[in-house]
Amino acid sequence: MTKPQITLHLCAPRGFCAGVDRAIQVVEEALRRYGAPVYVRHEIVHNRFVVETLKEKGAVFVEELDEIPETEQPVIFSAHGVAKRVPEAATARNLFYLDATCPLVSKVHKEAILHERRGREIVLIGHAGHPEVEGTMGQLEPGTVTLIETPEDARAFTPKDPENLSWISQTTLSIDDTAEMVEILKERFPSIAGPQKGDICYATTNRQEAVKAVAPTVERMLVVGAPNSSNSRRLREVAERSGCPKAMLINRAAEIDWADFDGISRVGLTAGASAPEVLVEEVVAAFRERFDLKIELVTTAEEDITFLLPRALRDQAAA
């Protein structure tokens, strides 16, 4: 029986970013050097496949440090970053901890601290409840940072001193949504200080730009990523805003509703920054089983960024 033809437009860049890759390496290297168990506070990255794979190797995931027994084994903080109370609590318990916070998230933490030292009121553009937002706000005393989630928030915000104001942002937001909120803040408060190049990370930017290039040319878009992954959810939103009639976020191939592809000839495929390439390959294989498949690679940027492991792991490697 002849298979229907379909073209898969494969976005590049897609999948793992340097911060995610580094965080996973931290867990794997800690397991290699110290053996199991290695404790990880929160999901190291927002992807169930990655978490389950690390569990099989001996990682134990917890939400708070008080779930960890007295131990000399390493405790790892996730790529999303943590409030300053977390390493303080770890130190108080004499826990050996490794910080896998993405360096680009750490950059935002430093910006917040610098603004506070300069006496500026701080606005953080981000999503309430996201661990990165909690970690950034947690660098300073409660009430120091005001969270802005929507353009309406930006219009309603009333600062203590309009002439002494600053903004920072979560690294995994929609580029366009963030730009809209920043524009509103700048229009209302012309002297507001912000980061030189913005806080949205290179990987979030590159993946969204690739989706924008593909979305207008396809009838469906699949985003491989977890439902709790901010950057993956933004990719689905960006696809539909950019002209794709329907975009779907899936953990892996088993979640595809094939009825959505009846009569469809052009499909876009990408993956969030915490989704491994093996899951993209799984989706491609599922399409190949059902269709006469043609693959077109759409590349909008090249990435060659890497981040060093935490100093403790580098020092021991050198020794």
Protein backbone atom coordinates (compact mmCIF):
# COMPACT_ATOMS: atom_id res chain seq x y z
CA MET A 1 0.00 0.00 0.00
CA THR A 2 1.41 3.39 -1.03
CA LYS A 3 2.18 5.68 1.88
CA PRO A 4 0.98 9.29 1.69
CA GLN A 5 3.75 11.80 1.07
CA ILE A 6 4.72 14.31 3.72
CA THR A 7 7.58 16.79 4.10
CA LEU A 8 9.06 17.33 7.54
CA HIS A 9 10.66 20.76 7.91
CA LEU A 10 13.24 20.24 10.65
CA CYS A 11 14.14 23.40 12.56
CA ALA A 12 17.73 24.16 13.45
CA PRO A 13 18.80 25.09 16.04
CA ARG A 14 16.59 22.89 18.23
CA GLY A 15 16.93 20.81 21.38
CA PHE A 16 19.62 20.99 24.03
CA CYS A 17 21.27 24.33 24.75
CA ALA A 18 24.67 24.77 26.40
CA GLY A 19 23.14 25.37 29.85
CA VAL A 20 21.04 22.19 29.73
CA ASP A 21 23.95 20.16 28.39
CA ARG A 22 26.17 21.45 31.19
CA ALA A 23 23.59 20.68 33.88
CA ILE A 24 23.21 17.07 32.72
CA GLN A 25 27.00 16.73 32.55
CA VAL A 26 27.22 17.92 36.17
CA VAL A 27 24.93 15.11 37.33
CA GLU A 28 26.63 12.46 35.19
CA GLU A 29 30.12 13.55 36.23
CA ALA A 30 29.14 13.63 39.91
CA LEU A 31 27.76 10.09 39.59
CA ARG A 32 30.94 8.96 37.88
CA ARG A 33 33.22 10.42 40.54
CA TYR A 34 31.23 9.90 43.73
CA GLY A 35 28.91 7.04 42.85
CA ALA A 36 25.21 6.83 43.63
CA PRO A 37 23.22 8.37 45.09
CA VAL A 38 23.64 11.93 43.91
CA TYR A 39 20.85 14.22 45.10
CA VAL A 40 19.31 16.80 42.76
CA ARG A 41 17.09 19.60 44.00
CA HIS A 42 14.20 19.98 41.54
CA GLU A 43 14.25 18.48 38.03
CA ILE A 44 17.75 19.16 36.71
CA VAL A 45 16.03 20.33 33.49
CA HIS A 46 12.34 20.23 32.59
CA ASN A 47 12.21 16.95 30.68
CA ARG A 48 10.82 13.70 32.07
CA PHE A 49 12.93 11.52 29.74
CA VAL A 50 16.12 13.18 30.97
CA VAL A 51 15.07 12.93 34.61
CA GLU A 52 14.13 9.25 34.34
CA THR A 53 17.39 8.45 32.54
CA LEU A 54 19.39 10.09 35.34
CA LYS A 55 17.31 8.30 37.98
CA GLU A 56 18.30 4.99 36.38
CA LYS A 57 21.93 6.00 36.77
CA GLY A 58 21.52 6.80 40.48
CA ALA A 59 20.28 10.38 40.75
CA VAL A 60 17.69 11.05 43.46
CA PHE A 61 15.41 14.04 42.80
CA VAL A 62 13.93 16.08 45.64
CA GLU A 63 12.06 19.37 45.83
CA GLU A 64 13.65 20.68 49.04
CA LEU A 65 16.85 20.01 50.95
CA ASP A 66 15.01 18.72 54.01
CA GLU A 67 14.13 15.61 51.98
CA ILE A 68 17.84 14.72 51.84
CA PRO A 69 19.26 12.59 54.68
CA GLU A 70 22.54 13.40 56.36
CA THR A 71 25.07 12.56 53.68
CA GLU A 72 28.49 13.30 52.26
CA GLN A 73 27.22 12.65 48.73
CA PRO A 74 26.87 15.60 46.34
CA VAL A 75 23.73 17.71 46.20
CA ILE A 76 23.11 19.45 42.87
CA PHE A 77 21.05 22.58 42.20
CA SER A 78 19.13 22.55 38.91
CA ALA A 79 19.85 24.58 35.78
CA HIS A 80 17.01 26.98 36.66
CA GLY A 81 18.88 28.48 39.61
CA VAL A 82 17.90 28.74 43.27
CA ALA A 83 17.15 31.41 45.84
CA LYS A 84 20.11 32.40 48.03
CA ARG A 85 18.47 30.64 51.01
CA VAL A 86 19.11 27.25 49.35
CA PRO A 87 22.94 27.28 49.30
CA GLU A 88 22.84 28.93 52.73
CA ALA A 89 20.76 26.02 54.05
CA ALA A 90 23.08 23.53 52.37
CA THR A 91 26.10 25.16 53.98
CA ALA A 92 24.39 25.15 57.39
CA ARG A 93 23.97 21.37 57.05
CA ASN A 94 27.53 20.88 55.78
CA LEU A 95 26.22 19.44 52.53
CA PHE A 96 28.61 19.21 49.60
CA TYR A 97 26.71 20.99 46.83
CA LEU A 98 27.34 21.60 43.16
CA ASP A 99 25.56 24.46 41.42
CA ALA A 100 24.35 23.53 37.92
CA THR A 101 22.60 26.88 37.41
CA CYS A 102 22.89 27.97 33.78
CA PRO A 103 25.52 30.74 33.58
CA LEU A 104 23.02 32.90 31.67
CA VAL A 105 20.58 32.61 34.58
CA SER A 106 23.42 33.45 36.99
CA LYS A 107 24.00 36.56 34.88
CA VAL A 108 20.43 37.70 35.60
CA HIS A 109 20.98 37.02 39.33
CA LYS A 110 24.04 39.26 39.26
CA GLU A 111 22.12 41.98 37.44
CA ALA A 112 19.42 41.93 40.12
CA ILE A 113 21.99 42.18 42.91
CA LEU A 114 23.79 45.05 41.14
CA HIS A 115 20.57 47.00 40.61
CA GLU A 116 19.70 46.55 44.28
CA ARG A 117 23.15 47.76 45.35
CA ARG A 118 22.65 50.87 43.23
CA GLY A 119 19.38 51.53 45.02
CA ARG A 120 17.13 50.82 42.06
CA GLU A 121 13.66 49.35 42.26
CA ILE A 122 13.58 46.13 40.20
CA VAL A 123 10.95 44.82 37.81
CA LEU A 124 11.27 41.18 36.71
CA ILE A 125 9.44 40.13 33.54
CA GLY A 126 8.57 36.46 33.91
CA HIS A 127 6.08 33.77 34.88
CA ALA A 128 4.97 33.37 38.50
CA GLY A 129 5.86 30.01 40.00
CA HIS A 130 8.58 29.15 37.50
CA PRO A 131 11.71 27.95 39.34
CA GLU A 132 13.93 30.40 37.47
CA VAL A 133 11.74 33.31 38.56
CA GLU A 134 11.67 32.06 42.14
CA GLY A 135 15.46 31.75 42.10
CA THR A 136 15.98 35.24 40.68
CA MET A 137 13.56 36.92 43.07
CA GLY A 138 15.11 34.90 45.88
CA GLN A 139 18.49 36.57 45.40
CA LEU A 140 17.10 39.59 47.26
CA GLU A 141 14.87 40.22 50.24
CA PRO A 142 11.12 39.62 49.78
CA GLY A 143 9.39 42.63 48.26
CA THR A 144 12.52 43.92 46.53
CA VAL A 145 11.51 42.63 43.08
CA THR A 146 8.13 43.20 41.40
CA LEU A 147 7.00 40.53 38.93
CA ILE A 148 5.47 41.64 35.63
CA GLU A 149 3.74 38.83 33.68
CA THR A 150 1.60 40.63 31.11
CA PRO A 151 1.36 43.92 29.20
CA GLU A 152 -1.50 44.81 31.55
CA ASP A 153 0.84 44.36 34.51
CA ALA A 154 3.35 46.67 32.82
CA ARG A 155 0.69 49.33 32.31
CA ALA A 156 -0.65 49.05 35.87
CA PHE A 157 2.72 48.99 37.66
CA THR A 158 3.34 51.96 39.95
CA PRO A 159 6.97 52.34 41.08
CA LYS A 160 8.09 54.03 44.27
CA ASP A 161 10.42 56.29 42.24
CA PRO A 162 9.94 56.38 38.43
CA GLU A 163 13.41 57.89 38.03
CA ASN A 164 15.17 55.05 39.84
CA LEU A 165 13.88 51.92 38.17
CA SER A 166 15.36 48.84 36.45
CA TRP A 167 14.13 45.74 34.60
CA ILE A 168 15.41 42.20 34.14
CA SER A 169 13.73 39.12 32.67
CA GLN A 170 13.41 35.37 32.77
CA THR A 171 15.69 33.82 30.13
CA THR A 172 13.09 31.58 28.45
CA LEU A 173 10.32 34.00 27.50
CA SER A 174 8.74 34.83 24.16
CA ILE A 175 10.96 37.42 22.49
CA ASP A 176 7.98 39.35 21.14
CA ASP A 177 5.97 39.29 24.37
CA THR A 178 8.95 40.50 26.36
CA ALA A 179 9.71 43.24 23.85
CA GLU A 180 6.11 44.47 24.14
CA MET A 181 6.33 44.69 27.93
CA VAL A 182 9.73 46.38 27.84
CA GLU A 183 8.40 48.91 25.33
CA ILE A 184 5.48 49.73 27.63
CA LEU A 185 7.83 50.18 30.60
CA LYS A 186 10.22 52.37 28.58
CA GLU A 187 7.36 54.50 27.31
CA ARG A 188 6.05 55.02 30.83
CA PHE A 189 9.46 55.33 32.50
CA PRO A 190 12.04 56.60 29.97
CA SER A 191 14.93 56.43 32.44
CA ILE A 192 14.39 52.74 33.33
CA ALA A 193 17.69 50.80 33.31
CA GLY A 194 17.96 47.37 31.73
CA PRO A 195 20.48 44.80 30.53
CA GLN A 196 22.67 45.82 27.59
CA LYS A 197 21.55 42.94 25.35
CA GLY A 198 18.44 41.70 27.15
CA ASP A 199 18.18 38.62 29.33
CA ILE A 200 16.44 36.16 27.00
CA CYS A 201 19.14 33.61 26.28
CA TYR A 202 20.69 32.91 22.88
CA ALA A 203 19.11 29.43 22.72
CA THR A 204 15.58 30.66 23.38
CA THR A 205 16.07 33.38 20.76
CA ASN A 206 17.54 31.04 18.15
CA ARG A 207 14.86 28.37 18.57
CA GLN A 208 12.07 30.91 18.29
CA GLU A 209 13.61 32.46 15.18
CA ALA A 210 13.86 29.03 13.53
CA VAL A 211 10.20 28.38 14.31
CA LYS A 212 9.23 31.78 12.88
CA ALA A 213 10.99 30.85 9.63
CA VAL A 214 9.21 27.50 9.32
CA ALA A 215 5.74 28.19 10.75
CA PRO A 216 4.29 30.17 7.80
CA THR A 217 5.28 27.37 5.37
CA VAL A 218 3.72 24.38 7.18
CA GLU A 219 0.25 23.12 8.08
CA ARG A 220 1.21 21.64 11.43
CA MET A 221 4.06 22.19 13.89
CA LEU A 222 5.26 19.69 16.47
CA VAL A 223 7.32 20.89 19.42
CA VAL A 224 9.08 18.16 21.36
CA GLY A 225 9.24 19.27 24.97
CA ALA A 226 7.73 18.95 28.42
CA PRO A 227 4.52 20.78 29.39
CA ASN A 228 6.37 22.39 32.33
CA SER A 229 9.17 23.66 30.06
CA SER A 230 8.76 27.41 29.59
CA ASN A 231 10.86 27.62 26.43
CA SER A 232 9.01 24.67 24.86
CA ARG A 233 5.59 26.21 25.53
CA ARG A 234 6.77 29.47 24.02
CA LEU A 235 7.83 27.64 20.83
CA ARG A 236 4.31 26.28 20.38
CA GLU A 237 2.84 29.76 20.90
CA VAL A 238 5.34 31.37 18.51
CA ALA A 239 4.50 28.80 15.81
CA GLU A 240 0.79 29.62 15.85
CA ARG A 241 1.39 33.38 16.05
CA SER A 242 3.73 33.10 13.07
CA GLY A 243 1.16 31.53 10.79
CA CYS A 244 0.99 27.79 11.48
CA PRO A 245 -2.69 26.73 11.71
CA LYS A 246 -2.02 24.28 14.54
CA ALA A 247 1.01 23.66 16.77
CA MET A 248 1.25 20.86 19.32
CA LEU A 249 3.56 20.30 22.29
CA ILE A 250 4.42 16.63 22.85
CA ASN A 251 6.72 14.82 25.25
CA ARG A 252 7.50 12.14 22.67
CA ALA A 253 6.20 10.32 19.58
CA ALA A 254 3.65 8.19 21.46
CA GLU A 255 1.60 11.34 22.15
CA ILE A 256 1.09 12.24 18.48
CA ASP A 257 -2.55 12.21 17.39
CA TRP A 258 -2.13 10.98 13.83
CA ALA A 259 -5.65 12.07 12.89
CA ASP A 260 -4.28 15.63 12.97
CA PHE A 261 -2.13 14.77 9.94
CA ASP A 262 -4.79 13.39 7.60
CA GLY A 263 -4.45 15.23 4.31
CA ILE A 264 -1.44 17.21 5.59
CA SER A 265 1.67 17.47 3.40
CA ARG A 266 3.95 19.91 5.28
CA VAL A 267 4.88 19.61 8.98
CA GLY A 268 7.37 21.56 11.06
CA LEU A 269 9.37 19.88 13.82
CA THR A 270 11.44 21.45 16.58
CA ALA A 271 12.41 20.74 20.19
CA GLY A 272 12.70 22.82 23.32
CA ALA A 273 16.08 23.53 24.88
CA SER A 274 15.66 20.74 27.45
CA ALA A 275 14.55 18.04 24.98
CA PRO A 276 17.21 15.53 23.85
CA GLU A 277 17.74 14.82 20.15
CA VAL A 278 16.86 11.15 20.65
CA LEU A 279 13.23 12.21 21.14
CA VAL A 280 13.30 14.18 17.86
CA GLU A 281 14.71 11.10 16.13
CA GLU A 282 11.88 9.07 17.65
CA VAL A 283 9.32 11.44 16.10
CA VAL A 284 11.06 11.30 12.71
CA ALA A 285 11.02 7.49 12.84
CA ALA A 286 7.30 7.50 13.68
CA PHE A 287 6.60 9.68 10.62
CA ARG A 288 8.75 7.45 8.42
CA GLU A 289 6.68 4.43 9.44
CA ARG A 290 3.46 6.09 8.30
CA PHE A 291 4.48 8.35 5.42
CA ASP A 292 6.65 8.56 2.35
CA LEU A 293 8.86 11.00 4.21
CA LYS A 294 10.97 13.85 2.87
CA ILE A 295 13.06 15.87 5.31
CA GLU A 296 14.08 19.48 4.76
CA LEU A 297 16.48 21.08 7.25
CA VAL A 298 15.82 24.76 7.91
CA THR A 299 18.84 26.37 9.60
CA THR A 300 18.61 29.96 10.84
CA ALA A 301 21.66 30.07 13.15
CA GLU A 302 24.77 28.11 14.09
CA GLU A 303 25.54 27.42 17.76
CA ASP A 304 28.95 26.57 19.18
CA ILE A 305 28.59 27.78 22.77
CA THR A 306 29.75 25.60 25.66
CA PHE A 307 29.94 26.26 29.40
CA LEU A 308 32.55 24.98 31.84
CA LEU A 309 31.57 22.59 34.62
CA PRO A 310 31.50 23.96 38.20
CA ARG A 311 34.95 24.65 39.61
CA ALA A 312 34.79 21.74 42.09
CA LEU A 313 34.43 19.23 39.27
CA ARG A 314 37.09 20.98 37.13
CA ASP A 315 39.56 21.15 40.04
CA GLN A 316 39.21 17.45 40.78
CA ALA A 317 39.61 16.63 37.10
CA ALA A 318 42.85 18.60 37.07
CA ALA A 319 44.05 16.83 40.22
